[in-house]
N, C-alpha and C. Protein backbone atom coordinates (compact mmCIF):
# COMPACT_ATOMS: atom_id res chain seq x y z
N MET A 1 0.85 -1.19 0.27
CA MET A 1 -0.61 -0.11 0.49
C MET A 1 1.06 1.13 0.17
N GLN A 2 0.70 1.85 -1.08
CA GLN A 2 1.30 3.12 -0.73
C GLN A 2 0.35 4.19 -0.05
N GLU A 3 1.36 4.42 0.94
CA GLU A 3 0.50 5.66 1.53
C GLU A 3 1.06 7.02 1.41
N ASN A 4 -0.10 8.11 1.43
CA ASN A 4 0.44 9.64 1.52
C ASN A 4 -0.55 10.49 2.49
N TYR A 5 0.07 10.94 3.18
CA TYR A 5 -0.32 12.14 4.36
C TYR A 5 -1.08 13.19 3.44
N ARG A 6 -1.96 13.52 4.04
CA ARG A 6 -2.67 15.05 3.97
C ARG A 6 -1.82 16.02 3.30
N ASP A 7 -1.87 16.47 2.23
CA ASP A 7 -1.02 17.20 1.28
C ASP A 7 0.51 17.19 1.36
N ILE A 8 0.68 15.75 1.31
CA ILE A 8 2.01 15.36 0.88
C ILE A 8 1.96 14.81 -0.34
N GLY A 9 3.05 14.31 -1.29
CA GLY A 9 2.91 14.05 -2.73
C GLY A 9 1.80 14.25 -3.41
N GLU A 10 1.11 12.71 -4.05
CA GLU A 10 0.05 12.84 -4.65
C GLU A 10 -1.29 13.27 -3.93
N SER A 11 -0.87 13.56 -2.75
CA SER A 11 -2.56 13.89 -1.82
C SER A 11 -2.43 15.67 -1.77
N LYS A 12 -1.32 16.05 -2.40
CA LYS A 12 -1.22 17.68 -2.10
C LYS A 12 -2.61 18.40 -3.17
N PRO A 13 -3.37 19.22 -2.54
CA PRO A 13 -4.54 19.73 -3.09
C PRO A 13 -4.37 20.54 -4.12
N GLU A 14 -5.38 20.65 -4.78
CA GLU A 14 -5.58 21.76 -5.78
C GLU A 14 -5.24 23.22 -5.49
N LYS A 15 -6.51 23.27 -4.57
CA LYS A 15 -6.50 24.19 -3.92
C LYS A 15 -6.16 24.86 -2.98
N ALA A 16 -5.46 26.03 -2.69
CA ALA A 16 -4.44 26.82 -1.71
C ALA A 16 -4.92 26.77 -0.41
N ASP A 17 -6.54 27.04 -0.54
CA ASP A 17 -7.10 27.55 0.82
C ASP A 17 -7.53 26.02 1.87
N PHE A 18 -7.30 24.92 1.18
CA PHE A 18 -7.40 23.76 1.89
C PHE A 18 -6.05 23.56 3.05
N LEU A 19 -5.21 24.04 2.68
CA LEU A 19 -3.59 23.80 3.40
C LEU A 19 -3.76 24.92 4.42
N ASN A 20 -4.93 25.95 4.61
CA ASN A 20 -5.21 26.62 6.03
C ASN A 20 -6.05 25.98 6.61
N LYS A 21 -6.74 24.61 6.48
CA LYS A 21 -7.48 23.50 6.97
C LYS A 21 -6.43 23.07 7.87
N MET A 22 -6.08 22.15 7.12
CA MET A 22 -5.21 21.13 7.82
C MET A 22 -4.29 21.09 8.52
N LYS A 23 -4.11 20.20 9.07
CA LYS A 23 -3.26 19.89 10.47
C LYS A 23 -2.65 18.77 10.51
N MET A 24 -1.32 18.61 10.86
CA MET A 24 -0.59 17.51 11.14
C MET A 24 -1.57 16.40 12.12
N GLN A 25 -2.25 17.20 13.22
CA GLN A 25 -3.00 15.77 13.85
C GLN A 25 -4.23 15.00 12.86
N ASP A 26 -4.65 15.81 11.82
CA ASP A 26 -5.22 15.30 10.77
C ASP A 26 -4.72 14.04 10.57
N TRP A 27 -3.52 13.74 10.62
CA TRP A 27 -2.69 12.86 9.80
C TRP A 27 -2.93 11.46 10.34
N GLY A 28 -2.80 11.97 11.94
CA GLY A 28 -3.44 10.87 12.69
C GLY A 28 -4.89 10.55 12.59
N GLU A 29 -5.30 11.11 13.21
CA GLU A 29 -7.32 11.22 12.97
C GLU A 29 -7.66 10.38 12.38
N PHE A 30 -7.38 11.12 11.14
CA PHE A 30 -8.28 10.74 9.46
C PHE A 30 -7.17 9.76 8.74
N ASP A 31 -5.95 9.80 8.54
CA ASP A 31 -5.22 8.98 7.73
C ASP A 31 -4.41 8.14 8.07
N PHE A 32 -3.99 8.09 9.14
CA PHE A 32 -3.47 6.48 9.87
C PHE A 32 -4.60 5.69 10.35
N SER A 33 -5.68 6.53 10.67
CA SER A 33 -7.03 5.52 11.21
C SER A 33 -7.38 4.58 9.79
N ALA A 34 -7.43 5.39 8.73
CA ALA A 34 -7.79 4.91 7.19
C ALA A 34 -6.56 3.88 6.97
N CYS A 35 -5.80 3.81 7.05
CA CYS A 35 -4.55 3.16 6.67
C CYS A 35 -4.77 2.12 7.81
N ILE A 36 -5.33 1.98 8.71
CA ILE A 36 -5.41 0.65 9.89
C ILE A 36 -6.21 -0.15 9.62
N SER A 37 -7.85 0.93 8.93
CA SER A 37 -9.03 -0.11 8.61
C SER A 37 -8.33 -0.48 7.41
N TRP A 38 -8.09 0.00 6.46
CA TRP A 38 -7.38 -0.44 5.26
C TRP A 38 -6.62 -2.12 5.35
N CYS A 39 -5.92 -2.07 6.55
CA CYS A 39 -5.37 -3.45 6.87
C CYS A 39 -5.97 -4.47 7.53
N GLN A 40 -6.76 -3.91 8.06
CA GLN A 40 -8.26 -4.50 8.45
C GLN A 40 -8.69 -5.64 7.72
N GLN A 41 -9.30 -4.59 6.61
CA GLN A 41 -10.13 -5.09 5.77
C GLN A 41 -9.66 -5.67 4.57
N GLN A 42 -8.16 -5.95 4.19
CA GLN A 42 -7.37 -6.55 3.45
C GLN A 42 -6.98 -7.60 3.86
N TYR A 43 -6.21 -7.76 5.30
CA TYR A 43 -5.33 -8.76 5.60
C TYR A 43 -6.39 -9.06 7.43
N PRO A 44 -7.40 -9.60 6.94
CA PRO A 44 -8.35 -9.39 8.32
C PRO A 44 -8.01 -10.40 9.15
N THR A 45 -7.33 -10.94 8.83
CA THR A 45 -6.58 -12.41 10.01
C THR A 45 -5.25 -12.39 10.12
N LEU A 46 -4.49 -11.55 9.69
CA LEU A 46 -3.38 -10.83 10.15
C LEU A 46 -3.48 -10.51 11.36
N PRO A 47 -2.05 -10.29 11.91
CA PRO A 47 -1.88 -9.15 12.91
C PRO A 47 -1.21 -7.77 12.19
N ILE A 48 -1.83 -6.92 12.88
CA ILE A 48 -1.42 -5.38 12.27
C ILE A 48 -0.08 -4.73 13.24
N THR A 49 0.86 -4.62 12.61
CA THR A 49 2.06 -4.12 13.41
C THR A 49 2.05 -2.28 12.61
N CYS A 50 2.78 -1.79 13.50
CA CYS A 50 3.39 -0.44 12.83
C CYS A 50 4.68 -0.12 13.25
N ILE A 51 5.38 0.15 12.49
CA ILE A 51 6.89 0.82 13.17
C ILE A 51 6.66 2.33 12.51
N GLY A 52 6.98 3.36 13.48
CA GLY A 52 6.69 4.53 13.13
C GLY A 52 7.99 5.79 13.57
N HIS A 53 8.55 6.30 12.89
CA HIS A 53 9.84 7.27 13.15
C HIS A 53 9.29 8.61 13.24
N SER A 54 9.64 9.60 13.97
CA SER A 54 9.54 10.94 14.28
C SER A 54 7.93 10.98 13.97
N VAL A 55 7.34 12.00 13.71
CA VAL A 55 5.81 12.11 13.73
C VAL A 55 5.34 11.15 13.33
N GLY A 56 6.05 10.23 12.83
CA GLY A 56 4.87 8.59 12.65
C GLY A 56 4.68 8.07 13.99
N ALA A 57 6.21 7.71 14.55
CA ALA A 57 5.96 7.30 15.86
C ALA A 57 4.65 8.48 16.82
N GLN A 58 4.46 9.18 16.56
CA GLN A 58 3.43 9.88 17.77
C GLN A 58 2.16 10.22 16.97
N LEU A 59 1.82 9.48 15.90
CA LEU A 59 0.49 9.39 15.14
C LEU A 59 -0.26 8.55 15.83
N ILE A 60 0.72 7.29 16.31
CA ILE A 60 -0.15 6.14 16.85
C ILE A 60 -1.12 6.22 17.38
N GLY A 61 -1.08 7.55 18.40
CA GLY A 61 -2.16 7.68 19.89
C GLY A 61 -2.95 8.43 19.31
N LEU A 62 -3.21 9.05 17.54
CA LEU A 62 -4.51 9.90 17.75
C LEU A 62 -5.56 9.14 16.98
N ALA A 63 -5.30 7.89 16.46
CA ALA A 63 -5.60 6.48 15.33
C ALA A 63 -6.75 6.37 16.47
N HIS A 64 -8.35 6.39 16.48
CA HIS A 64 -8.95 5.96 17.10
C HIS A 64 -9.14 4.63 16.90
N ASN A 65 -8.64 4.17 16.01
CA ASN A 65 -8.80 2.33 15.74
C ASN A 65 -7.54 2.01 16.77
N ASN A 66 -6.42 2.44 16.76
CA ASN A 66 -5.20 1.78 17.18
C ASN A 66 -5.08 1.05 17.98
N ILE A 67 -5.84 0.51 18.22
CA ILE A 67 -6.55 -0.96 19.51
C ILE A 67 -6.25 -1.74 18.67
N ALA A 68 -6.49 -1.91 17.41
CA ALA A 68 -6.90 -3.12 16.12
C ALA A 68 -4.67 -3.54 16.07
N LEU A 69 -3.92 -2.55 16.51
CA LEU A 69 -2.27 -2.70 16.43
C LEU A 69 -2.09 -3.69 17.22
N SER A 70 -1.40 -4.59 17.05
CA SER A 70 -0.83 -5.72 17.97
C SER A 70 0.47 -5.63 18.37
N ALA A 71 1.44 -4.56 17.75
CA ALA A 71 2.54 -4.35 18.35
C ALA A 71 2.98 -2.78 17.70
N SER A 72 3.36 -2.24 18.34
CA SER A 72 4.08 -0.82 17.37
C SER A 72 5.65 -0.72 17.95
N LEU A 73 6.61 -0.31 17.10
CA LEU A 73 7.83 0.14 17.41
C LEU A 73 7.74 1.71 17.00
N SER A 74 8.09 2.63 17.89
CA SER A 74 8.38 3.84 18.04
C SER A 74 9.62 4.32 18.05
N LEU A 75 10.66 5.01 17.09
CA LEU A 75 11.76 5.26 17.28
C LEU A 75 11.88 6.94 16.81
N SER A 76 12.35 7.64 17.64
CA SER A 76 13.01 8.72 17.56
C SER A 76 11.62 9.65 17.44
N GLY A 77 10.66 9.24 18.34
CA GLY A 77 9.30 10.12 17.90
C GLY A 77 9.10 11.58 18.76
N GLN A 78 10.28 12.53 19.16
CA GLN A 78 10.01 13.47 19.32
C GLN A 78 9.93 14.82 18.38
N SER A 79 9.94 15.79 18.92
CA SER A 79 10.23 17.02 17.76
C SER A 79 11.87 17.13 17.69
N GLY A 80 11.83 17.21 16.21
CA GLY A 80 13.35 17.44 15.76
C GLY A 80 13.76 18.79 15.46
N TYR A 81 13.20 19.68 15.82
CA TYR A 81 13.53 21.01 16.16
C TYR A 81 14.43 21.51 16.64
N TRP A 82 15.68 21.83 15.96
CA TRP A 82 16.71 22.07 17.21
C TRP A 82 16.45 23.33 18.06
N ARG A 83 15.65 24.05 17.69
CA ARG A 83 15.43 25.07 19.23
C ARG A 83 14.73 24.32 20.32
N HIS A 84 14.51 23.43 20.03
CA HIS A 84 13.26 22.65 21.52
C HIS A 84 14.22 22.12 22.56
N TRP A 85 15.62 22.23 21.85
CA TRP A 85 16.76 21.41 22.63
C TRP A 85 18.03 22.36 23.72
N ASP A 86 18.14 22.16 24.62
CA ASP A 86 19.13 22.93 25.16
C ASP A 86 20.50 22.67 24.51
N LYS A 87 21.34 23.40 24.26
CA LYS A 87 22.58 23.21 23.70
C LYS A 87 23.17 22.18 24.65
N ARG A 88 23.12 22.25 25.86
CA ARG A 88 24.17 21.71 26.54
C ARG A 88 23.87 20.50 26.31
N GLN A 89 22.75 19.50 26.06
CA GLN A 89 22.37 18.41 25.91
C GLN A 89 22.89 18.02 24.14
N TRP A 90 23.00 18.52 23.47
CA TRP A 90 23.53 17.99 21.76
C TRP A 90 24.15 17.33 21.82
N PRO A 91 25.44 17.16 22.56
CA PRO A 91 26.37 15.68 22.22
C PRO A 91 25.58 14.61 23.20
N LYS A 92 24.30 14.43 23.70
CA LYS A 92 24.03 13.51 24.25
C LYS A 92 23.11 12.96 22.93
C-alpha cells in the first residue's frame, strides 16, 4: 500500500485554501486510522503491526482504532526542531 498523508506527494490539494485547514493532527486522526482500517479489510486474519519514526511514531496515539495494532515500534518520536533542545544536551 502506497501511503500519502494529507498534503504530501500525490495527496497535495489543488486548491491552496485547503492548506489553511489542514493540521498534522489530521494525519493521525484521519489518515493513519484509514490505513489501519484498510489493513483490517485487506488482511483480516493477520496481525497489524506498525513501525513509526518521528511524527509517524506520534500519530499512532491519535488513531481512534489504534487498539487494532498488535504491536508497534516507535523510533525518535520527539520533535526534531533544534531550538526545542537545550544546547548543553546536543552531545547526548
